Amino acid sequence: MPDDFKVKWAEIITRPCHDCGVRRGELHLEGCDMETCPRCGHQYICCDCEREYEEDDFEVEDPTVQPSLNLSVGD
């Protein structure tokens, strides 16, 4: 990796996400085009991995907490 890229990358990762505004280490917001799928590593919003939601995942009392998401590969 070129040294000039390392310097640029060190600066880039300190900025908030250009799409949803979260900081490094936080979960991207739903629909963000920068989120990667933890299963396949591709862009989360357009990967083919199945998503399995629990019914109560959408009843969040604290709006700062995002619901859990279970990813599974097709049968």
PDB file of N, CA and C in Angstrom:
ATOM      1  N   MET A   1       0.856  -1.172   0.000  1.00  0.00           N
ATOM      2  CA  MET A   1       0.000   0.000   0.000  1.00  0.00           C
ATOM      3  C   MET A   1       0.902   1.235   0.000  1.00  0.00           C
ATOM      4  N   PRO A   2       0.687   2.149  -0.931  1.00  0.00           N
ATOM      5  CA  PRO A   2       1.514   3.353  -0.997  1.00  0.00           C
ATOM      6  C   PRO A   2       1.377   4.203   0.275  1.00  0.00           C
ATOM      7  N   ASP A   3       2.456   4.832   0.672  1.00  0.00           N
ATOM      8  CA  ASP A   3       2.455   5.650   1.891  1.00  0.00           C
ATOM      9  C   ASP A   3       1.465   6.802   1.821  1.00  0.00           C
ATOM     10  N   ASP A   4       1.337   7.430   0.637  1.00  0.00           N
ATOM     11  CA  ASP A   4       0.407   8.557   0.539  1.00  0.00           C
ATOM     12  C   ASP A   4      -1.037   8.094   0.737  1.00  0.00           C
ATOM     13  N   PHE A   5      -1.347   6.854   0.314  1.00  0.00           N
ATOM     14  CA  PHE A   5      -2.692   6.331   0.540  1.00  0.00           C
ATOM     15  C   PHE A   5      -2.928   6.070   2.021  1.00  0.00           C
ATOM     16  N   LYS A   6      -1.921   5.553   2.718  1.00  0.00           N
ATOM     17  CA  LYS A   6      -2.041   5.312   4.151  1.00  0.00           C
ATOM     18  C   LYS A   6      -2.378   6.596   4.896  1.00  0.00           C
ATOM     19  N   VAL A   7      -1.736   7.698   4.499  1.00  0.00           N
ATOM     20  CA  VAL A   7      -1.999   8.998   5.129  1.00  0.00           C
ATOM     21  C   VAL A   7      -3.427   9.442   4.831  1.00  0.00           C
ATOM     22  N   LYS A   8      -3.860   9.315   3.570  1.00  0.00           N
ATOM     23  CA  LYS A   8      -5.229   9.699   3.194  1.00  0.00           C
ATOM     24  C   LYS A   8      -6.247   8.837   3.930  1.00  0.00           C
ATOM     25  N   TRP A   9      -5.989   7.522   3.992  1.00  0.00           N
ATOM     26  CA  TRP A   9      -6.922   6.609   4.650  1.00  0.00           C
ATOM     27  C   TRP A   9      -7.045   6.939   6.132  1.00  0.00           C
ATOM     28  N   ALA A  10      -5.942   7.254   6.781  1.00  0.00           N
ATOM     29  CA  ALA A  10      -5.966   7.612   8.201  1.00  0.00           C
ATOM     30  C   ALA A  10      -6.859   8.828   8.433  1.00  0.00           C
ATOM     31  N   GLU A  11      -6.887   9.746   7.478  1.00  0.00           N
ATOM     32  CA  GLU A  11      -7.757  10.924   7.586  1.00  0.00           C
ATOM     33  C   GLU A  11      -9.210  10.560   7.262  1.00  0.00           C
ATOM     34  N   ILE A  12      -9.412   9.757   6.235  1.00  0.00           N
ATOM     35  CA  ILE A  12     -10.758   9.391   5.796  1.00  0.00           C
ATOM     36  C   ILE A  12     -11.528   8.678   6.901  1.00  0.00           C
ATOM     37  N   ILE A  13     -10.887   7.756   7.610  1.00  0.00           N
ATOM     38  CA  ILE A  13     -11.614   6.972   8.603  1.00  0.00           C
ATOM     39  C   ILE A  13     -11.982   7.768   9.848  1.00  0.00           C
ATOM     40  N   THR A  14     -11.498   8.988   9.971  1.00  0.00           N
ATOM     41  CA  THR A  14     -11.904   9.832  11.097  1.00  0.00           C
ATOM     42  C   THR A  14     -13.165  10.633  10.770  1.00  0.00           C
ATOM     43  N   ARG A  15     -13.542  10.664   9.511  1.00  0.00           N
ATOM     44  CA  ARG A  15     -14.734  11.420   9.093  1.00  0.00           C
ATOM     45  C   ARG A  15     -15.998  10.578   9.278  1.00  0.00           C
ATOM     46  N   PRO A  16     -17.150  11.245   9.461  1.00  0.00           N
ATOM     47  CA  PRO A  16     -18.407  10.484   9.507  1.00  0.00           C
ATOM     48  C   PRO A  16     -18.737   9.920   8.117  1.00  0.00           C
ATOM     49  N   CYS A  17     -19.554   8.892   8.098  1.00  0.00           N
ATOM     50  CA  CYS A  17     -19.984   8.276   6.845  1.00  0.00           C
ATOM     51  C   CYS A  17     -20.647   9.326   5.953  1.00  0.00           C
ATOM     52  N   HIS A  18     -20.282   9.336   4.686  1.00  0.00           N
ATOM     53  CA  HIS A  18     -20.847  10.333   3.764  1.00  0.00           C
ATOM     54  C   HIS A  18     -22.327  10.098   3.489  1.00  0.00           C
ATOM     55  N   ASP A  19     -22.820   8.885   3.727  1.00  0.00           N
ATOM     56  CA  ASP A  19     -24.209   8.566   3.395  1.00  0.00           C
ATOM     57  C   ASP A  19     -25.153   8.712   4.588  1.00  0.00           C
ATOM     58  N   CYS A  20     -24.750   8.174   5.756  1.00  0.00           N
ATOM     59  CA  CYS A  20     -25.679   8.194   6.898  1.00  0.00           C
ATOM     60  C   CYS A  20     -25.147   8.963   8.108  1.00  0.00           C
ATOM     61  N   GLY A  21     -23.890   9.392   8.062  1.00  0.00           N
ATOM     62  CA  GLY A  21     -23.369  10.270   9.104  1.00  0.00           C
ATOM     63  C   GLY A  21     -22.823   9.606  10.355  1.00  0.00           C
ATOM     64  N   VAL A  22     -22.806   8.264  10.427  1.00  0.00           N
ATOM     65  CA  VAL A  22     -22.283   7.622  11.627  1.00  0.00           C
ATOM     66  C   VAL A  22     -20.763   7.718  11.653  1.00  0.00           C
ATOM     67  N   ARG A  23     -20.215   7.587  12.841  1.00  0.00           N
ATOM     68  CA  ARG A  23     -18.762   7.634  13.025  1.00  0.00           C
ATOM     69  C   ARG A  23     -18.195   6.212  12.996  1.00  0.00           C
ATOM     70  N   ARG A  24     -16.895   6.109  12.846  1.00  0.00           N
ATOM     71  CA  ARG A  24     -16.213   4.814  12.817  1.00  0.00           C
ATOM     72  C   ARG A  24     -16.560   4.018  14.073  1.00  0.00           C
ATOM     73  N   GLY A  25     -16.876   2.738  13.883  1.00  0.00           N
ATOM     74  CA  GLY A  25     -17.222   1.864  14.992  1.00  0.00           C
ATOM     75  C   GLY A  25     -18.710   1.771  15.264  1.00  0.00           C
ATOM     76  N   GLU A  26     -19.505   2.660  14.670  1.00  0.00           N
ATOM     77  CA  GLU A  26     -20.957   2.617  14.843  1.00  0.00           C
ATOM     78  C   GLU A  26     -21.579   1.835  13.691  1.00  0.00           C
ATOM     79  N   LEU A  27     -22.801   1.328  13.902  1.00  0.00           N
ATOM     80  CA  LEU A  27     -23.535   0.656  12.835  1.00  0.00           C
ATOM     81  C   LEU A  27     -24.098   1.693  11.873  1.00  0.00           C
ATOM     82  N   HIS A  28     -23.988   1.414  10.592  1.00  0.00           N
ATOM     83  CA  HIS A  28     -24.582   2.307   9.602  1.00  0.00           C
ATOM     84  C   HIS A  28     -26.100   2.231   9.712  1.00  0.00           C
ATOM     85  N   LEU A  29     -26.778   3.282   9.321  1.00  0.00           N
ATOM     86  CA  LEU A  29     -28.230   3.320   9.389  1.00  0.00           C
ATOM     87  C   LEU A  29     -28.825   2.539   8.224  1.00  0.00           C
ATOM     88  N   GLU A  30     -30.065   2.102   8.398  1.00  0.00           N
ATOM     89  CA  GLU A  30     -30.745   1.311   7.373  1.00  0.00           C
ATOM     90  C   GLU A  30     -30.759   2.051   6.039  1.00  0.00           C
ATOM     91  N   GLY A  31     -30.388   1.361   4.974  1.00  0.00           N
ATOM     92  CA  GLY A  31     -30.380   1.944   3.641  1.00  0.00           C
ATOM     93  C   GLY A  31     -29.067   2.611   3.265  1.00  0.00           C
ATOM     94  N   CYS A  32     -28.107   2.654   4.169  1.00  0.00           N
ATOM     95  CA  CYS A  32     -26.818   3.278   3.886  1.00  0.00           C
ATOM     96  C   CYS A  32     -26.074   2.451   2.843  1.00  0.00           C
ATOM     97  N   ASP A  33     -25.525   3.112   1.832  1.00  0.00           N
ATOM     98  CA  ASP A  33     -24.818   2.372   0.785  1.00  0.00           C
ATOM     99  C   ASP A  33     -23.384   2.008   1.161  1.00  0.00           C
ATOM    100  N   MET A  34     -22.934   2.393   2.340  1.00  0.00           N
ATOM    101  CA  MET A  34     -21.576   2.068   2.776  1.00  0.00           C
ATOM    102  C   MET A  34     -21.519   0.823   3.663  1.00  0.00           C
ATOM    103  N   GLU A  35     -22.646   0.348   4.148  1.00  0.00           N
ATOM    104  CA  GLU A  35     -22.670  -0.830   5.024  1.00  0.00           C
ATOM    105  C   GLU A  35     -22.307  -2.077   4.222  1.00  0.00           C
ATOM    106  N   THR A  36     -21.445  -2.910   4.797  1.00  0.00           N
ATOM    107  CA  THR A  36     -21.101  -4.175   4.151  1.00  0.00           C
ATOM    108  C   THR A  36     -21.823  -5.310   4.854  1.00  0.00           C
ATOM    109  N   CYS A  37     -22.188  -6.324   4.096  1.00  0.00           N
ATOM    110  CA  CYS A  37     -22.861  -7.496   4.654  1.00  0.00           C
ATOM    111  C   CYS A  37     -21.850  -8.299   5.464  1.00  0.00           C
ATOM    112  N   PRO A  38     -22.172  -8.620   6.719  1.00  0.00           N
ATOM    113  CA  PRO A  38     -21.235  -9.400   7.524  1.00  0.00           C
ATOM    114  C   PRO A  38     -21.093 -10.848   7.042  1.00  0.00           C
ATOM    115  N   ARG A  39     -22.013 -11.307   6.235  1.00  0.00           N
ATOM    116  CA  ARG A  39     -21.963 -12.689   5.740  1.00  0.00           C
ATOM    117  C   ARG A  39     -21.120 -12.795   4.476  1.00  0.00           C
ATOM    118  N   CYS A  40     -21.401 -11.966   3.468  1.00  0.00           N
ATOM    119  CA  CYS A  40     -20.721 -12.113   2.175  1.00  0.00           C
ATOM    120  C   CYS A  40     -19.667 -11.040   1.911  1.00  0.00           C
ATOM    121  N   GLY A  41     -19.737  -9.918   2.637  1.00  0.00           N
ATOM    122  CA  GLY A  41     -18.757  -8.851   2.452  1.00  0.00           C
ATOM    123  C   GLY A  41     -19.094  -7.872   1.345  1.00  0.00           C
ATOM    124  N   HIS A  42     -20.198  -8.101   0.643  1.00  0.00           N
ATOM    125  CA  HIS A  42     -20.609  -7.169  -0.411  1.00  0.00           C
ATOM    126  C   HIS A  42     -21.432  -6.026   0.185  1.00  0.00           C
ATOM    127  N   GLN A  43     -21.845  -5.120  -0.673  1.00  0.00           N
ATOM    128  CA  GLN A  43     -22.655  -3.993  -0.235  1.00  0.00           C
ATOM    129  C   GLN A  43     -23.970  -4.539   0.339  1.00  0.00           C
ATOM    130  N   TYR A  44     -24.273  -4.177   1.572  1.00  0.00           N
ATOM    131  CA  TYR A  44     -25.404  -4.752   2.306  1.00  0.00           C
ATOM    132  C   TYR A  44     -26.755  -4.513   1.628  1.00  0.00           C
ATOM    133  N   ILE A  45     -26.974  -3.329   1.093  1.00  0.00           N
ATOM    134  CA  ILE A  45     -28.300  -3.011   0.544  1.00  0.00           C
ATOM    135  C   ILE A  45     -28.621  -3.774  -0.741  1.00  0.00           C
ATOM    136  N   CYS A  46     -27.617  -4.410  -1.362  1.00  0.00           N
ATOM    137  CA  CYS A  46     -27.916  -5.120  -2.608  1.00  0.00           C
ATOM    138  C   CYS A  46     -27.342  -6.537  -2.663  1.00  0.00           C
ATOM    139  N   CYS A  47     -26.927  -7.093  -1.512  1.00  0.00           N
ATOM    140  CA  CYS A  47     -26.437  -8.479  -1.530  1.00  0.00           C
ATOM    141  C   CYS A  47     -27.627  -9.438  -1.554  1.00  0.00           C
ATOM    142  N   ASP A  48     -27.350 -10.696  -1.855  1.00  0.00           N
ATOM    143  CA  ASP A  48     -28.413 -11.697  -1.981  1.00  0.00           C
ATOM    144  C   ASP A  48     -28.603 -12.547  -0.731  1.00  0.00           C
ATOM    145  N   CYS A  49     -27.950 -12.198   0.375  1.00  0.00           N
ATOM    146  CA  CYS A  49     -28.092 -12.975   1.602  1.00  0.00           C
ATOM    147  C   CYS A  49     -29.507 -12.813   2.159  1.00  0.00           C
ATOM    148  N   GLU A  50     -30.042 -13.913   2.689  1.00  0.00           N
ATOM    149  CA  GLU A  50     -31.367 -13.848   3.302  1.00  0.00           C
ATOM    150  C   GLU A  50     -31.268 -13.133   4.638  1.00  0.00           C
ATOM    151  N   ARG A  51     -32.285 -12.410   4.971  1.00  0.00           N
ATOM    152  CA  ARG A  51     -32.356 -11.736   6.258  1.00  0.00           C
ATOM    153  C   ARG A  51     -33.540 -12.292   7.026  1.00  0.00           C
ATOM    154  N   GLU A  52     -33.295 -12.638   8.256  1.00  0.00           N
ATOM    155  CA  GLU A  52     -34.344 -13.219   9.093  1.00  0.00           C
ATOM    156  C   GLU A  52     -34.586 -12.279  10.258  1.00  0.00           C
ATOM    157  N   TYR A  53     -35.781 -11.740  10.346  1.00  0.00           N
ATOM    158  CA  TYR A  53     -36.128 -10.796  11.401  1.00  0.00           C
ATOM    159  C   TYR A  53     -37.042 -11.463  12.412  1.00  0.00           C
ATOM    160  N   GLU A  54     -36.873 -11.126  13.641  1.00  0.00           N
ATOM    161  CA  GLU A  54     -37.813 -11.537  14.677  1.00  0.00           C
ATOM    162  C   GLU A  54     -38.919 -10.488  14.706  1.00  0.00           C
ATOM    163  N   GLU A  55     -40.139 -10.891  15.001  1.00  0.00           N
ATOM    164  CA  GLU A  55     -41.272  -9.968  14.993  1.00  0.00           C
ATOM    165  C   GLU A  55     -41.061  -8.793  15.943  1.00  0.00           C
ATOM    166  N   ASP A  56     -40.465  -9.055  17.106  1.00  0.00           N
ATOM    167  CA  ASP A  56     -40.283  -7.984  18.089  1.00  0.00           C
ATOM    168  C   ASP A  56     -39.051  -7.122  17.808  1.00  0.00           C
ATOM    169  N   ASP A  57     -38.293  -7.402  16.738  1.00  0.00           N
ATOM    170  CA  ASP A  57     -37.133  -6.584  16.391  1.00  0.00           C
ATOM    171  C   ASP A  57     -37.536  -5.148  16.063  1.00  0.00           C
ATOM    172  N   PHE A  58     -38.769  -4.948  15.663  1.00  0.00           N
ATOM    173  CA  PHE A  58     -39.196  -3.626  15.230  1.00  0.00           C
ATOM    174  C   PHE A  58     -39.879  -2.836  16.340  1.00  0.00           C
ATOM    175  N   GLU A  59     -39.975  -3.409  17.519  1.00  0.00           N
ATOM    176  CA  GLU A  59     -40.563  -2.719  18.662  1.00  0.00           C
ATOM    177  C   GLU A  59     -39.447  -2.315  19.613  1.00  0.00           C
ATOM    178  N   VAL A  60     -38.729  -1.260  19.249  1.00  0.00           N
ATOM    179  CA  VAL A  60     -37.575  -0.820  20.026  1.00  0.00           C
ATOM    180  C   VAL A  60     -38.006   0.306  20.953  1.00  0.00           C
ATOM    181  N   GLU A  61     -37.789   0.107  22.255  1.00  0.00           N
ATOM    182  CA  GLU A  61     -38.167   1.135  23.219  1.00  0.00           C
ATOM    183  C   GLU A  61     -37.203   2.320  23.177  1.00  0.00           C
ATOM    184  N   ASP A  62     -35.920   2.038  23.021  1.00  0.00           N
ATOM    185  CA  ASP A  62     -34.907   3.081  22.982  1.00  0.00           C
ATOM    186  C   ASP A  62     -34.557   3.349  21.516  1.00  0.00           C
ATOM    187  N   PRO A  63     -34.906   4.518  20.970  1.00  0.00           N
ATOM    188  CA  PRO A  63     -34.676   4.778  19.545  1.00  0.00           C
ATOM    189  C   PRO A  63     -33.200   4.845  19.170  1.00  0.00           C
ATOM    190  N   THR A  64     -32.289   4.899  20.143  1.00  0.00           N
ATOM    191  CA  THR A  64     -30.863   4.924  19.817  1.00  0.00           C
ATOM    192  C   THR A  64     -30.301   3.521  19.635  1.00  0.00           C
ATOM    193  N   VAL A  65     -31.108   2.489  19.940  1.00  0.00           N
ATOM    194  CA  VAL A  65     -30.674   1.102  19.797  1.00  0.00           C
ATOM    195  C   VAL A  65     -31.271   0.534  18.528  1.00  0.00           C
ATOM    196  N   GLN A  66     -30.424  -0.040  17.660  1.00  0.00           N
ATOM    197  CA  GLN A  66     -30.917  -0.636  16.428  1.00  0.00           C
ATOM    198  C   GLN A  66     -31.281  -2.095  16.678  1.00  0.00           C
ATOM    199  N   PRO A  67     -32.328  -2.601  15.996  1.00  0.00           N
ATOM    200  CA  PRO A  67     -32.733  -3.995  16.191  1.00  0.00           C
ATOM    201  C   PRO A  67     -31.659  -4.958  15.704  1.00  0.00           C
ATOM    202  N   SER A  68     -31.652  -6.162  16.296  1.00  0.00           N
ATOM    203  CA  SER A  68     -30.692  -7.180  15.874  1.00  0.00           C
ATOM    204  C   SER A  68     -31.155  -7.781  14.550  1.00  0.00           C
ATOM    205  N   LEU A  69     -30.219  -8.298  13.810  1.00  0.00           N
ATOM    206  CA  LEU A  69     -30.513  -8.876  12.498  1.00  0.00           C
ATOM    207  C   LEU A  69     -29.792 -10.196  12.394  1.00  0.00           C
ATOM    208  N   ASN A  70     -30.534 -11.246  12.080  1.00  0.00           N
ATOM    209  CA  ASN A  70     -29.928 -12.560  11.883  1.00  0.00           C
ATOM    210  C   ASN A  70     -29.823 -12.815  10.383  1.00  0.00           C
ATOM    211  N   LEU A  71     -28.605 -13.086   9.899  1.00  0.00           N
ATOM    212  CA  LEU A  71     -28.393 -13.380   8.482  1.00  0.00           C
ATOM    213  C   LEU A  71     -28.189 -14.872   8.317  1.00  0.00           C
ATOM    214  N   SER A  72     -28.824 -15.432   7.309  1.00  0.00           N
ATOM    215  CA  SER A  72     -28.619 -16.850   7.040  1.00  0.00           C
ATOM    216  C   SER A  72     -28.533 -17.077   5.544  1.00  0.00           C
ATOM    217  N   VAL A  73     -27.763 -18.076   5.169  1.00  0.00           N
ATOM    218  CA  VAL A  73     -27.646 -18.453   3.771  1.00  0.00           C
ATOM    219  C   VAL A  73     -28.865 -19.274   3.415  1.00  0.00           C
ATOM    220  N   GLY A  74     -29.363 -19.140   2.195  1.00  0.00           N
ATOM    221  CA  GLY A  74     -30.548 -19.867   1.753  1.00  0.00           C
ATOM    222  C   GLY A  74     -30.455 -21.358   2.008  1.00  0.00           C
ATOM    223  N   ASP A  75     -31.613 -22.016   2.092  1.00  0.00           N
ATOM    224  CA  ASP A  75     -31.665 -23.456   2.407  1.00  0.00           C
ATOM    225  C   ASP A  75     -30.921 -24.279   1.420  1.00  0.00           C
TER     226      ASP A  75
END
